[in-house]
Amino acid sequence: MKPRWYILERHIAKQAWTGNQVGTPPWSEDLVENKHKPAIISFFSFKGGVGRTSTLVATALTLARNGHRVAIVDLDLEAPGLATIFSPNNSNNLGVIDYLLEKKIQQNDWKLRTHTININEQTLLGDDGQTLQLLPAGTVDDNYLEKLARLDFQNLVDSELQSTMQNMLKELESAVDNLDFILMDARAGFHDIGGLAITALSHAAVIFGTQSRQSWAGLTHVIRHLASRKIDERLPLIIVHSMAPAIGLSGRETELTEFREQAYIVFQENYYSEDETVPDTNNREEPFFPVVVPYQESLRGDIALFSRNSTSEESTRLLNLVTTMTNSPYQEIAEKLCNFFGREFKKNN
């Protein structure tokens, strides 16, 4: 009888999504709740183009203006963009992809603290805000695609991506004093790094969906997967109804109701165990009750949180943009995250 060979490399590469266990973050939730370590939060969307990155930035600004020390990490290695939101220049910044590839080789010669970017403009952070720390994905240049290919192959061969990412977060925490939160922008879809971020590295997740069959098909699997922990260790979640119709538009209330009802059904069937009593559908503290982030024209396309020139019109544009990004619903997300981990939050800071 001739032997048969089966190629299983995609199963190996997708273990974060196909495994039965949710992993362990770099440090325990007890250390987070006792304010010895920062909470790690992943922002994840099954579909792209739903405002995930802009919401992460808005939440980070809101938390920083509220006095919390925040680091943001660009894990969207296929479509990096966090650095360009804060700077007009595609400067030669090493970042996540370089750490994942080079740290094992260079060891102490590759220091993460030298590659984080300080964001401290008063216009963004207010009079009493804390400096934001940004760890970019890396510089998109002629060598970037080669780095991506090397990273995919390296993970396939040695399966050390999870431990390397854990070490990266530990080094980031050590490099920035007294961090309260690390917010990670995870790649959309069933991507390896996005899966590791929410299932193996985070203390909580913010997941984004739209009122569409395609979105709910993916989110249902994600929610089911994140419910694999024991009840008392379940990953705290915030679900965001993104790209919702703006206030005053026809059909807004109908869509909001449909999304909220679908979220309740999906969580009831996939998140809670059979022996649990599912909370009332109107319980705003439960993960199935969505935060509504409506479509906003000012956050569409190229978001620039820097002054492009010195005119009064440009100053007004930037101030209006910051105001938009630090009010509701982003305050609601920031407040929920603070409540998860015992941090103080003052509205309208």
Protein backbone atom coordinates (compact mmCIF):
# COMPACT_ATOMS: atom_id res chain seq x y z
CA MET A 1 0.00 0.00 0.00
CA LYS A 2 1.43 3.35 -1.05
CA PRO A 3 1.74 6.04 1.62
CA ARG A 4 -0.36 9.16 1.27
CA TRP A 5 0.83 12.65 2.11
CA TYR A 6 -1.39 15.45 3.34
CA ILE A 7 -0.35 19.10 3.49
CA LEU A 8 -1.49 20.57 6.80
CA GLU A 9 0.48 23.79 6.96
CA ARG A 10 -2.59 26.05 7.05
CA HIS A 11 -3.87 24.16 10.08
CA ILE A 12 -0.53 24.78 11.77
CA ALA A 13 -0.61 28.44 10.83
CA LYS A 14 -4.19 28.96 12.07
CA GLN A 15 -3.87 27.35 15.49
CA ALA A 16 -4.95 30.57 17.21
CA TRP A 17 -8.34 30.16 15.52
CA THR A 18 -8.62 26.36 15.38
CA GLY A 19 -7.36 25.44 18.86
CA ASN A 20 -9.74 24.71 21.69
CA GLN A 21 -8.01 26.78 24.32
CA VAL A 22 -7.67 30.51 24.79
CA GLY A 23 -4.09 31.34 25.74
CA THR A 24 -2.56 33.27 28.59
CA PRO A 25 -1.55 36.96 28.35
CA PRO A 26 2.02 37.97 29.24
CA TRP A 27 0.90 38.80 32.81
CA SER A 28 -2.12 37.92 34.90
CA GLU A 29 -5.30 39.92 35.25
CA ASP A 30 -4.64 40.14 39.01
CA LEU A 31 -1.56 42.26 38.29
CA VAL A 32 -3.68 44.46 36.02
CA GLU A 33 -6.44 44.93 38.58
CA ASN A 34 -3.88 45.77 41.27
CA LYS A 35 -2.39 48.37 38.87
CA HIS A 36 1.01 46.69 38.72
CA LYS A 37 0.73 46.00 34.99
CA PRO A 38 -1.24 47.50 32.08
CA ALA A 39 -4.33 45.92 30.58
CA ILE A 40 -3.78 44.62 27.05
CA ILE A 41 -6.75 45.27 24.76
CA SER A 42 -7.13 44.03 21.18
CA PHE A 43 -9.27 45.90 18.66
CA PHE A 44 -10.45 43.33 16.11
CA SER A 45 -12.81 43.32 13.14
CA PHE A 46 -13.78 40.40 10.95
CA LYS A 47 -14.25 42.72 7.96
CA GLY A 48 -12.00 45.63 7.03
CA GLY A 49 -13.08 49.20 6.47
CA VAL A 50 -15.31 49.41 9.54
CA GLY A 51 -13.47 52.11 11.48
CA ARG A 52 -11.44 49.84 13.76
CA THR A 53 -8.21 51.82 13.59
CA SER A 54 -9.87 55.22 13.95
CA THR A 55 -11.82 53.93 16.95
CA LEU A 56 -8.65 52.61 18.57
CA VAL A 57 -6.95 55.99 18.10
CA ALA A 58 -9.98 57.84 19.43
CA THR A 59 -10.14 55.56 22.48
CA ALA A 60 -6.41 56.00 23.10
CA LEU A 61 -6.72 59.80 22.92
CA THR A 62 -9.71 59.74 25.24
CA LEU A 63 -7.89 57.61 27.81
CA ALA A 64 -4.72 59.72 27.59
CA ARG A 65 -6.66 62.98 28.02
CA ASN A 66 -8.24 61.33 31.05
CA GLY A 67 -4.85 60.94 32.68
CA HIS A 68 -4.07 57.34 31.74
CA ARG A 69 -0.75 56.24 30.26
CA VAL A 70 -1.42 54.43 27.01
CA ALA A 71 0.67 52.63 24.40
CA ILE A 72 -0.73 51.71 20.99
CA VAL A 73 0.67 48.91 18.85
CA ASP A 74 0.11 48.44 15.11
CA LEU A 75 -0.34 44.72 14.51
CA ASP A 76 -2.01 45.25 11.13
CA LEU A 77 1.18 44.26 9.35
CA GLU A 78 -0.48 43.75 5.94
CA ALA A 79 -1.97 47.26 5.99
CA PRO A 80 -0.09 49.36 8.56
CA GLY A 81 -1.36 52.86 9.17
CA LEU A 82 -1.17 54.04 12.78
CA ALA A 83 2.08 55.94 12.28
CA THR A 84 0.73 57.89 9.31
CA ILE A 85 -2.20 59.17 11.39
CA PHE A 86 0.21 61.04 13.64
CA SER A 87 2.91 62.07 11.17
CA PRO A 88 3.03 63.25 7.54
CA ASN A 89 6.39 61.60 6.98
CA ASN A 90 7.03 57.96 6.17
CA SER A 91 10.18 58.12 8.25
CA ASN A 92 12.47 55.16 8.75
CA ASN A 93 10.78 53.73 11.84
CA LEU A 94 11.47 50.15 12.77
CA GLY A 95 8.59 48.45 14.53
CA VAL A 96 6.65 45.28 15.20
CA ILE A 97 7.69 43.39 12.09
CA ASP A 98 11.37 44.14 12.75
CA TYR A 99 11.07 42.99 16.35
CA LEU A 100 9.41 39.72 15.35
CA LEU A 101 12.11 39.02 12.79
CA GLU A 102 15.26 40.38 14.41
CA LYS A 103 14.91 40.15 18.18
CA LYS A 104 15.72 36.46 18.33
CA ILE A 105 18.88 37.07 16.33
CA GLN A 106 20.10 40.38 17.78
CA GLN A 107 18.93 39.81 21.37
CA ASN A 108 19.88 42.82 23.53
CA ASP A 109 21.24 44.73 20.55
CA TRP A 110 17.63 45.26 19.37
CA LYS A 111 16.03 47.55 21.94
CA LEU A 112 12.34 48.25 21.57
CA ARG A 113 12.47 51.47 23.59
CA THR A 114 14.51 53.16 20.85
CA HIS A 115 11.76 52.55 18.29
CA THR A 116 8.65 53.74 20.14
CA ILE A 117 7.28 57.13 19.08
CA ASN A 118 6.23 59.75 21.64
CA ILE A 119 2.98 61.57 20.86
CA ASN A 120 2.74 64.58 23.15
CA GLU A 121 1.10 67.45 21.22
CA GLN A 122 -1.06 69.50 23.54
CA THR A 123 -3.75 69.88 20.87
CA LEU A 124 -4.29 66.13 20.97
CA LEU A 125 -3.86 65.47 24.68
CA GLY A 126 -5.16 68.62 26.36
CA ASP A 127 -3.55 70.44 29.27
CA ASP A 128 -3.43 67.47 31.64
CA GLY A 129 -3.17 64.54 29.23
CA GLN A 130 -0.52 61.85 29.29
CA THR A 131 1.94 61.21 26.46
CA LEU A 132 0.92 58.43 24.08
CA GLN A 133 3.47 55.82 23.07
CA LEU A 134 3.24 54.32 19.58
CA LEU A 135 4.94 51.14 18.41
CA PRO A 136 4.46 51.20 14.61
CA ALA A 137 4.28 48.17 12.37
CA GLY A 138 7.45 49.23 10.57
CA THR A 139 8.36 51.25 7.52
CA VAL A 140 6.55 50.36 4.30
CA ASP A 141 9.41 50.48 1.81
CA ASP A 142 10.89 48.25 -0.90
CA ASN A 143 11.89 45.66 1.72
CA TYR A 144 8.59 45.44 3.58
CA LEU A 145 7.00 42.66 1.50
CA GLU A 146 10.13 40.56 1.89
CA LYS A 147 9.86 40.99 5.67
CA LEU A 148 6.24 39.85 5.57
CA ALA A 149 7.17 36.75 3.60
CA ARG A 150 9.99 35.94 6.04
CA LEU A 151 7.63 36.34 8.99
CA ASP A 152 5.00 33.99 7.53
CA PHE A 153 7.65 31.36 6.79
CA GLN A 154 9.33 31.75 10.17
CA ASN A 155 6.06 31.21 12.03
CA LEU A 156 5.31 28.15 9.92
CA VAL A 157 8.68 26.59 10.66
CA ASP A 158 9.30 27.30 14.35
CA SER A 159 5.81 28.24 15.70
CA GLU A 160 7.40 30.75 18.07
CA LEU A 161 5.31 33.75 17.03
CA GLN A 162 3.20 33.69 20.19
CA SER A 163 6.15 33.65 22.61
CA THR A 164 7.95 36.34 20.60
CA MET A 165 4.87 38.59 20.73
CA GLN A 166 4.54 38.00 24.46
CA ASN A 167 8.16 39.04 24.93
CA MET A 168 7.56 42.12 22.78
CA LEU A 169 4.71 43.24 25.03
CA LYS A 170 6.79 42.58 28.14
CA GLU A 171 9.59 44.70 26.74
CA LEU A 172 7.14 47.46 25.83
CA GLU A 173 5.75 47.44 29.37
CA SER A 174 9.28 47.69 30.77
CA ALA A 175 10.25 50.47 28.36
CA VAL A 176 7.36 52.79 29.29
CA ASP A 177 6.87 53.56 32.97
CA ASN A 178 3.50 53.08 34.66
CA LEU A 179 1.44 52.09 31.64
CA ASP A 180 -2.30 51.66 32.24
CA PHE A 181 -3.31 50.28 28.85
CA ILE A 182 -1.75 48.73 25.76
CA LEU A 183 -4.16 48.96 22.81
CA MET A 184 -3.37 46.70 19.85
CA ASP A 185 -4.74 47.20 16.34
CA ALA A 186 -5.26 43.64 15.09
CA ARG A 187 -5.52 42.62 11.46
CA ALA A 188 -9.06 42.04 10.14
CA GLY A 189 -10.25 38.52 9.39
CA PHE A 190 -8.90 35.15 10.44
CA HIS A 191 -5.29 36.25 10.34
CA ASP A 192 -2.62 34.54 12.46
CA ILE A 193 -1.50 37.66 14.32
CA GLY A 194 -5.04 38.91 14.87
CA GLY A 195 -6.00 35.51 16.25
CA LEU A 196 -3.03 35.45 18.60
CA ALA A 197 -3.77 38.99 19.73
CA ILE A 198 -7.30 38.37 20.93
CA THR A 199 -7.01 34.72 21.99
CA ALA A 200 -3.53 34.54 23.51
CA LEU A 201 -2.30 38.00 24.44
CA SER A 202 -5.20 40.15 25.63
CA HIS A 203 -7.07 40.81 28.85
CA ALA A 204 -10.07 42.13 26.88
CA ALA A 205 -11.16 42.67 23.29
CA VAL A 206 -13.14 45.26 21.36
CA ILE A 207 -14.74 43.58 18.36
CA PHE A 208 -16.40 45.37 15.46
CA GLY A 209 -19.32 44.35 13.30
CA THR A 210 -21.84 45.74 10.85
CA GLN A 211 -25.42 44.70 10.35
CA SER A 212 -24.72 42.26 7.53
CA ARG A 213 -24.82 38.49 7.10
CA GLN A 214 -21.12 38.39 6.17
CA SER A 215 -20.10 40.27 9.30
CA TRP A 216 -22.19 38.14 11.64
CA ALA A 217 -20.95 34.90 10.08
CA GLY A 218 -17.39 35.78 11.09
CA LEU A 219 -18.21 37.39 14.43
CA THR A 220 -20.22 34.36 15.53
CA HIS A 221 -17.13 32.17 15.24
CA VAL A 222 -15.01 34.76 17.07
CA ILE A 223 -17.48 35.08 19.93
CA ARG A 224 -17.82 31.31 20.22
CA HIS A 225 -14.04 30.94 20.31
CA LEU A 226 -13.59 33.60 22.99
CA ALA A 227 -16.17 31.88 25.17
CA SER A 228 -13.99 28.79 25.49
CA ARG A 229 -12.65 29.90 28.88
CA LYS A 230 -14.22 28.98 32.17
CA ILE A 231 -17.08 31.26 33.17
CA ASP A 232 -15.09 33.13 35.80
CA GLU A 233 -12.15 33.58 33.43
CA ARG A 234 -14.08 34.61 30.35
CA LEU A 235 -12.47 37.30 28.21
CA PRO A 236 -14.23 40.64 28.73
CA LEU A 237 -15.67 41.89 25.45
CA ILE A 238 -17.04 45.10 23.99
CA ILE A 239 -18.97 44.70 20.76
CA VAL A 240 -19.16 47.74 18.51
CA HIS A 241 -21.92 48.33 15.98
CA SER A 242 -19.76 50.17 13.49
CA MET A 243 -20.69 52.21 10.43
CA ALA A 244 -24.19 52.62 11.85
CA PRO A 245 -26.46 55.25 10.27
CA ALA A 246 -25.91 58.71 11.74
CA ILE A 247 -28.51 60.35 13.94
CA GLY A 248 -31.40 61.66 11.87
CA LEU A 249 -30.93 59.30 8.92
CA SER A 250 -33.84 57.19 7.78
CA GLY A 251 -33.68 53.60 8.99
CA ARG A 252 -31.27 54.28 11.85
CA GLU A 253 -33.47 52.99 14.66
CA THR A 254 -34.45 49.91 12.68
CA GLU A 255 -30.82 48.97 12.03
CA LEU A 256 -29.80 49.63 15.64
CA THR A 257 -32.59 47.40 16.88
CA GLU A 258 -31.75 44.62 14.44
CA PHE A 259 -28.06 44.68 15.38
CA ARG A 260 -28.80 44.67 19.11
CA GLU A 261 -31.24 41.77 18.75
CA GLN A 262 -28.82 39.76 16.60
CA ALA A 263 -25.99 40.38 19.09
CA TYR A 264 -28.16 39.08 21.92
CA ILE A 265 -29.00 35.91 19.98
CA VAL A 266 -25.39 35.24 18.99
CA PHE A 267 -24.10 35.72 22.54
CA GLN A 268 -26.95 33.69 24.01
CA GLU A 269 -26.18 30.76 21.72
CA ASN A 270 -22.39 30.95 21.67
CA TYR A 271 -20.97 32.88 24.62
CA TYR A 272 -22.99 31.78 27.64
CA SER A 273 -22.98 28.17 28.82
CA GLU A 274 -26.10 26.04 28.98
CA ASP A 275 -26.31 26.21 32.78
CA GLU A 276 -26.12 30.01 32.88
CA THR A 277 -29.03 32.38 33.10
CA VAL A 278 -28.57 34.82 30.24
CA PRO A 279 -28.99 38.42 31.46
CA ASP A 280 -31.83 40.59 30.29
CA THR A 281 -31.49 41.87 26.73
CA ASN A 282 -31.47 45.50 27.92
CA ASN A 283 -28.57 45.03 30.35
CA ARG A 284 -26.09 47.62 29.09
CA GLU A 285 -23.24 46.16 31.15
CA GLU A 286 -23.25 42.83 29.31
CA PRO A 287 -21.00 42.24 26.29
CA PHE A 288 -23.94 41.66 23.95
CA PHE A 289 -25.17 45.25 24.37
CA PRO A 290 -23.35 47.12 21.58
CA VAL A 291 -21.62 50.47 21.58
CA VAL A 292 -22.89 52.29 18.50
CA VAL A 293 -20.24 54.03 16.40
CA PRO A 294 -22.01 55.79 13.53
CA TYR A 295 -20.47 56.57 10.17
CA GLN A 296 -18.70 59.94 10.37
CA GLU A 297 -17.46 61.72 7.27
CA SER A 298 -14.65 63.44 9.20
CA LEU A 299 -13.14 60.05 10.10
CA ARG A 300 -13.29 58.70 6.57
CA GLY A 301 -10.15 58.26 4.51
CA ASP A 302 -6.89 59.95 5.45
CA ILE A 303 -7.09 60.94 9.13
CA ALA A 304 -4.38 63.48 9.96
CA LEU A 305 -3.79 64.19 13.65
CA PHE A 306 -1.08 66.73 12.93
CA SER A 307 -0.94 70.26 11.55
CA ARG A 308 -0.49 70.19 7.78
CA ASN A 309 0.14 73.93 7.71
CA SER A 310 0.07 76.91 10.08
CA THR A 311 -3.22 78.47 8.98
CA SER A 312 -6.13 79.18 11.31
CA GLU A 313 -8.33 76.93 9.16
CA GLU A 314 -5.94 74.04 9.76
CA SER A 315 -5.94 74.67 13.52
CA THR A 316 -9.74 74.65 13.51
CA ARG A 317 -9.80 71.41 11.50
CA LEU A 318 -7.49 69.67 13.95
CA LEU A 319 -9.38 70.89 17.01
CA ASN A 320 -12.71 69.79 15.53
CA LEU A 321 -11.27 66.38 14.69
CA VAL A 322 -9.91 65.89 18.22
CA THR A 323 -13.26 66.94 19.68
CA THR A 324 -15.04 64.37 17.51
CA MET A 325 -12.63 61.63 18.54
CA THR A 326 -12.80 62.26 22.28
CA ASN A 327 -16.56 62.45 22.76
CA SER A 328 -19.29 59.81 22.66
CA PRO A 329 -19.20 56.98 21.63
CA TYR A 330 -15.44 56.80 22.22
CA GLN A 331 -15.86 57.96 25.79
CA GLU A 332 -18.24 55.04 26.29
CA ILE A 333 -15.63 52.54 25.09
CA ALA A 334 -12.90 54.15 27.21
CA GLU A 335 -15.14 54.14 30.27
CA LYS A 336 -16.02 50.46 29.81
CA LEU A 337 -12.33 49.56 29.57
CA CYS A 338 -11.61 51.51 32.75
CA ASN A 339 -14.47 49.75 34.52
CA PHE A 340 -13.15 46.34 33.44
CA PHE A 341 -9.85 46.92 35.22
CA GLY A 342 -10.60 49.29 38.09
CA ARG A 343 -9.30 52.50 36.49
CA GLU A 344 -10.92 55.85 37.18
CA PHE A 345 -12.67 57.61 34.33
CA LYS A 346 -13.96 61.17 34.33
CA LYS A 347 -16.35 62.06 31.55
CA ASN A 348 -15.84 65.12 29.35
CA ASN A 349 -12.26 65.57 30.46
